[in-house]
């Protein structure tokens, strides 16, 4: 079966806090910064189907898995990009900053952890959830290695 994939490539991805590490303290507000460079944006064409680069939306969704019981969206940010914003090398750099205010209790990286998705879609996300577009347009799915400073498990 023939398949066409119009998603861009991820040329660079980084996430960090303002302080540089991922150690958090109870009651502390943390700024999580996500930087992404997308590539191949001018190459996503196929004559008679997709002849011109199109506008797109980059969405970053920060979520928390709570004890294997539920997944909660902490925050979702998106940026609408026009095809004319793509540079001559087919690259687009985007940055997102999440102010995360959590109690940070019970963060153990195994069954209670934070993670984020980076998705590229043709439309902004709908309010309050994860649409099929975000799921199928997902480029990155990774944990965020927040660690409670001074926790009993030696982290």
C-alpha atoms as a PDB file:
ATOM      1  CA  UNK A   1       0.000   0.000   0.000  1.00  0.00           C
ATOM      2  CA  UNK A   2       1.308   3.434  -0.949  1.00  0.00           C
ATOM      3  CA  UNK A   3       1.508   6.022   1.814  1.00  0.00           C
ATOM      4  CA  UNK A   4       2.193   9.757   1.748  1.00  0.00           C
ATOM      5  CA  UNK A   5       3.289  11.515   4.911  1.00  0.00           C
ATOM      6  CA  UNK A   6       3.109  15.313   4.868  1.00  0.00           C
ATOM      7  CA  UNK A   7       4.400  15.739   8.423  1.00  0.00           C
ATOM      8  CA  UNK A   8       7.669  17.668   8.667  1.00  0.00           C
ATOM      9  CA  UNK A   9      10.868  16.314  10.149  1.00  0.00           C
ATOM     10  CA  UNK A  10      12.175  17.315  13.576  1.00  0.00           C
ATOM     11  CA  UNK A  11      15.646  18.776  13.015  1.00  0.00           C
ATOM     12  CA  UNK A  12      16.144  19.774  16.638  1.00  0.00           C
ATOM     13  CA  UNK A  13      14.257  19.373  19.897  1.00  0.00           C
ATOM     14  CA  UNK A  14      15.156  20.458  23.405  1.00  0.00           C
ATOM     15  CA  UNK A  15      13.322  20.996  26.648  1.00  0.00           C
ATOM     16  CA  UNK A  16      14.699  22.535  29.797  1.00  0.00           C
ATOM     17  CA  UNK A  17      13.715  24.621  32.769  1.00  0.00           C
ATOM     18  CA  UNK A  18      14.919  28.149  33.323  1.00  0.00           C
ATOM     19  CA  UNK A  19      17.315  26.795  35.952  1.00  0.00           C
ATOM     20  CA  UNK A  20      18.673  24.209  33.521  1.00  0.00           C
ATOM     21  CA  UNK A  21      17.807  21.041  35.457  1.00  0.00           C
ATOM     22  CA  UNK A  22      14.579  19.204  36.098  1.00  0.00           C
ATOM     23  CA  UNK A  23      14.670  19.191  39.906  1.00  0.00           C
ATOM     24  CA  UNK A  24      11.535  20.655  41.483  1.00  0.00           C
ATOM     25  CA  UNK A  25      10.441  21.495  45.022  1.00  0.00           C
ATOM     26  CA  UNK A  26       6.991  21.110  46.565  1.00  0.00           C
ATOM     27  CA  UNK A  27       4.861  24.194  45.824  1.00  0.00           C
ATOM     28  CA  UNK A  28       7.386  25.570  43.347  1.00  0.00           C
ATOM     29  CA  UNK A  29       6.387  27.122  40.003  1.00  0.00           C
ATOM     30  CA  UNK A  30       8.519  25.859  37.132  1.00  0.00           C
ATOM     31  CA  UNK A  31       8.982  27.331  33.676  1.00  0.00           C
ATOM     32  CA  UNK A  32       9.417  24.490  31.154  1.00  0.00           C
ATOM     33  CA  UNK A  33      10.845  25.694  27.846  1.00  0.00           C
ATOM     34  CA  UNK A  34      10.400  23.647  24.679  1.00  0.00           C
ATOM     35  CA  UNK A  35      12.403  24.568  21.553  1.00  0.00           C
ATOM     36  CA  UNK A  36      11.772  22.856  18.226  1.00  0.00           C
ATOM     37  CA  UNK A  37      13.187  23.261  14.732  1.00  0.00           C
ATOM     38  CA  UNK A  38      11.054  21.659  12.031  1.00  0.00           C
ATOM     39  CA  UNK A  39      12.642  20.749   8.687  1.00  0.00           C
ATOM     40  CA  UNK A  40      11.499  19.639   5.277  1.00  0.00           C
ATOM     41  CA  UNK A  41       8.574  22.054   5.279  1.00  0.00           C
ATOM     42  CA  UNK A  42       9.079  23.092   1.640  1.00  0.00           C
ATOM     43  CA  UNK A  43       9.504  19.470   0.536  1.00  0.00           C
ATOM     44  CA  UNK A  44       6.021  18.375   1.613  1.00  0.00           C
ATOM     45  CA  UNK A  45       4.583  18.556  -1.875  1.00  0.00           C
ATOM     46  CA  UNK A  46       3.214  15.974  -4.284  1.00  0.00           C
ATOM     47  CA  UNK A  47       2.047  17.143  -7.737  1.00  0.00           C
ATOM     48  CA  UNK A  48      -1.736  17.060  -8.216  1.00  0.00           C
ATOM     49  CA  UNK A  49      -2.290  16.286  -4.524  1.00  0.00           C
ATOM     50  CA  UNK A  50      -0.312  18.733  -2.442  1.00  0.00           C
ATOM     51  CA  UNK A  51       1.464  21.114  -4.814  1.00  0.00           C
ATOM     52  CA  UNK A  52       2.290  24.027  -2.498  1.00  0.00           C
ATOM     53  CA  UNK A  53       3.567  24.166   1.075  1.00  0.00           C
ATOM     54  CA  UNK A  54       0.576  24.733   3.328  1.00  0.00           C
ATOM     55  CA  UNK A  55      -0.134  26.553   6.550  1.00  0.00           C
ATOM     56  CA  UNK A  56       0.207  24.421   9.668  1.00  0.00           C
ATOM     57  CA  UNK A  57      -0.210  24.465  13.434  1.00  0.00           C
ATOM     58  CA  UNK A  58       2.421  23.297  15.928  1.00  0.00           C
ATOM     59  CA  UNK A  59       0.839  22.137  19.200  1.00  0.00           C
ATOM     60  CA  UNK A  60       2.656  21.183  22.389  1.00  0.00           C
ATOM     61  CA  UNK A  61       0.564  19.408  25.002  1.00  0.00           C
ATOM     62  CA  UNK A  62       1.906  18.893  28.532  1.00  0.00           C
ATOM     63  CA  UNK A  63       0.193  16.050  30.378  1.00  0.00           C
ATOM     64  CA  UNK A  64       0.453  14.178  33.652  1.00  0.00           C
ATOM     65  CA  UNK A  65      -0.081  10.460  34.172  1.00  0.00           C
ATOM     66  CA  UNK A  66      -1.464   9.908  37.661  1.00  0.00           C
ATOM     67  CA  UNK A  67      -0.620   6.512  39.091  1.00  0.00           C
ATOM     68  CA  UNK A  68      -1.645   4.585  36.005  1.00  0.00           C
ATOM     69  CA  UNK A  69      -5.234   5.667  36.680  1.00  0.00           C
ATOM     70  CA  UNK A  70      -5.767   8.783  34.574  1.00  0.00           C
ATOM     71  CA  UNK A  71      -4.075  11.149  32.170  1.00  0.00           C
ATOM     72  CA  UNK A  72      -4.665  14.850  32.732  1.00  0.00           C
ATOM     73  CA  UNK A  73      -3.838  17.706  30.363  1.00  0.00           C
ATOM     74  CA  UNK A  74      -1.858  20.279  32.345  1.00  0.00           C
ATOM     75  CA  UNK A  75      -1.556  22.820  29.547  1.00  0.00           C
ATOM     76  CA  UNK A  76      -1.761  22.985  25.779  1.00  0.00           C
ATOM     77  CA  UNK A  77      -0.126  25.680  23.658  1.00  0.00           C
ATOM     78  CA  UNK A  78      -0.151  26.085  19.907  1.00  0.00           C
ATOM     79  CA  UNK A  79       1.264  28.338  17.230  1.00  0.00           C
ATOM     80  CA  UNK A  80      -0.358  28.875  13.849  1.00  0.00           C
ATOM     81  CA  UNK A  81       2.304  29.120  11.131  1.00  0.00           C
ATOM     82  CA  UNK A  82       1.887  30.320   7.576  1.00  0.00           C
ATOM     83  CA  UNK A  83       3.762  28.747   4.682  1.00  0.00           C
ATOM     84  CA  UNK A  84       5.436  32.129   4.052  1.00  0.00           C
ATOM     85  CA  UNK A  85       7.065  31.868   7.540  1.00  0.00           C
ATOM     86  CA  UNK A  86       9.206  28.931   6.393  1.00  0.00           C
ATOM     87  CA  UNK A  87      12.787  30.035   5.758  1.00  0.00           C
ATOM     88  CA  UNK A  88      14.666  29.363   2.504  1.00  0.00           C
ATOM     89  CA  UNK A  89      16.124  26.138   3.942  1.00  0.00           C
ATOM     90  CA  UNK A  90      12.659  24.754   4.681  1.00  0.00           C
ATOM     91  CA  UNK A  91      13.088  25.295   8.443  1.00  0.00           C
ATOM     92  CA  UNK A  92      10.792  26.766  11.086  1.00  0.00           C
ATOM     93  CA  UNK A  93      11.913  27.376  14.673  1.00  0.00           C
ATOM     94  CA  UNK A  94       9.276  27.563  17.402  1.00  0.00           C
ATOM     95  CA  UNK A  95       9.530  27.938  21.176  1.00  0.00           C
ATOM     96  CA  UNK A  96       6.978  27.411  23.910  1.00  0.00           C
ATOM     97  CA  UNK A  97       7.113  28.269  27.606  1.00  0.00           C
ATOM     98  CA  UNK A  98       4.925  26.457  30.111  1.00  0.00           C
ATOM     99  CA  UNK A  99       4.410  27.880  33.591  1.00  0.00           C
ATOM    100  CA  UNK A 100       3.794  24.694  35.548  1.00  0.00           C
ATOM    101  CA  UNK A 101       2.322  25.043  39.023  1.00  0.00           C
ATOM    102  CA  UNK A 102       1.925  21.656  40.645  1.00  0.00           C
ATOM    103  CA  UNK A 103       2.263  20.208  44.103  1.00  0.00           C
ATOM    104  CA  UNK A 104       5.008  17.891  42.733  1.00  0.00           C
ATOM    105  CA  UNK A 105       4.049  15.185  45.214  1.00  0.00           C
ATOM    106  CA  UNK A 106       4.315  11.576  44.164  1.00  0.00           C
ATOM    107  CA  UNK A 107       6.384  12.260  41.038  1.00  0.00           C
ATOM    108  CA  UNK A 108       8.244   9.004  40.578  1.00  0.00           C
ATOM    109  CA  UNK A 109       8.824   8.848  36.781  1.00  0.00           C
ATOM    110  CA  UNK A 110       7.307   5.350  36.612  1.00  0.00           C
ATOM    111  CA  UNK A 111       3.570   5.526  37.221  1.00  0.00           C
ATOM    112  CA  UNK A 112       3.185   9.218  38.082  1.00  0.00           C
ATOM    113  CA  UNK A 113       5.014  11.387  35.589  1.00  0.00           C
ATOM    114  CA  UNK A 114       4.770  14.303  33.197  1.00  0.00           C
ATOM    115  CA  UNK A 115       5.047  13.947  29.453  1.00  0.00           C
ATOM    116  CA  UNK A 116       4.536  16.039  26.377  1.00  0.00           C
ATOM    117  CA  UNK A 117       3.460  15.656  22.802  1.00  0.00           C
ATOM    118  CA  UNK A 118       4.518  17.802  19.885  1.00  0.00           C
ATOM    119  CA  UNK A 119       2.052  17.615  16.996  1.00  0.00           C
ATOM    120  CA  UNK A 120       1.760  19.277  13.609  1.00  0.00           C
ATOM    121  CA  UNK A 121      -1.733  19.616  12.165  1.00  0.00           C
ATOM    122  CA  UNK A 122      -3.599  21.764   9.673  1.00  0.00           C
ATOM    123  CA  UNK A 123      -5.984  23.273  12.261  1.00  0.00           C
ATOM    124  CA  UNK A 124      -5.692  24.510  15.861  1.00  0.00           C
ATOM    125  CA  UNK A 125      -6.650  22.039  18.601  1.00  0.00           C
ATOM    126  CA  UNK A 126     -10.211  22.026  19.843  1.00  0.00           C
ATOM    127  CA  UNK A 127     -10.799  23.132  23.408  1.00  0.00           C
ATOM    128  CA  UNK A 128     -10.431  20.604  26.170  1.00  0.00           C
ATOM    129  CA  UNK A 129      -8.829  17.542  24.765  1.00  0.00           C
ATOM    130  CA  UNK A 130      -6.811  15.458  22.398  1.00  0.00           C
ATOM    131  CA  UNK A 131      -8.280  15.192  18.922  1.00  0.00           C
ATOM    132  CA  UNK A 132      -7.451  12.555  16.339  1.00  0.00           C
ATOM    133  CA  UNK A 133      -5.502  15.227  14.445  1.00  0.00           C
ATOM    134  CA  UNK A 134      -3.198  15.776  17.421  1.00  0.00           C
ATOM    135  CA  UNK A 135      -2.754  12.052  17.949  1.00  0.00           C
ATOM    136  CA  UNK A 136      -2.019  11.223  14.307  1.00  0.00           C
ATOM    137  CA  UNK A 137       0.013  14.384  13.749  1.00  0.00           C
ATOM    138  CA  UNK A 138       2.269  13.579  16.702  1.00  0.00           C
ATOM    139  CA  UNK A 139       5.994  14.011  15.996  1.00  0.00           C
ATOM    140  CA  UNK A 140       7.321  13.684  19.550  1.00  0.00           C
ATOM    141  CA  UNK A 141       6.023  11.818  22.614  1.00  0.00           C
ATOM    142  CA  UNK A 142       8.418  12.018  25.561  1.00  0.00           C
ATOM    143  CA  UNK A 143       8.511  12.069  29.329  1.00  0.00           C
ATOM    144  CA  UNK A 144       9.597  15.213  31.153  1.00  0.00           C
ATOM    145  CA  UNK A 145      12.144  14.109  33.759  1.00  0.00           C
ATOM    146  CA  UNK A 146      10.925  16.237  36.669  1.00  0.00           C
ATOM    147  CA  UNK A 147      12.421  14.934  39.911  1.00  0.00           C
ATOM    148  CA  UNK A 148      11.386  16.020  43.380  1.00  0.00           C
ATOM    149  CA  UNK A 149      14.400  17.609  45.090  1.00  0.00           C
ATOM    150  CA  UNK A 150      15.232  15.877  48.355  1.00  0.00           C
ATOM    151  CA  UNK A 151      12.832  12.983  47.761  1.00  0.00           C
ATOM    152  CA  UNK A 152      13.205   9.806  49.800  1.00  0.00           C
ATOM    153  CA  UNK A 153      14.067   7.626  46.800  1.00  0.00           C
ATOM    154  CA  UNK A 154      17.472   9.258  46.457  1.00  0.00           C
ATOM    155  CA  UNK A 155      16.727  11.428  43.414  1.00  0.00           C
END
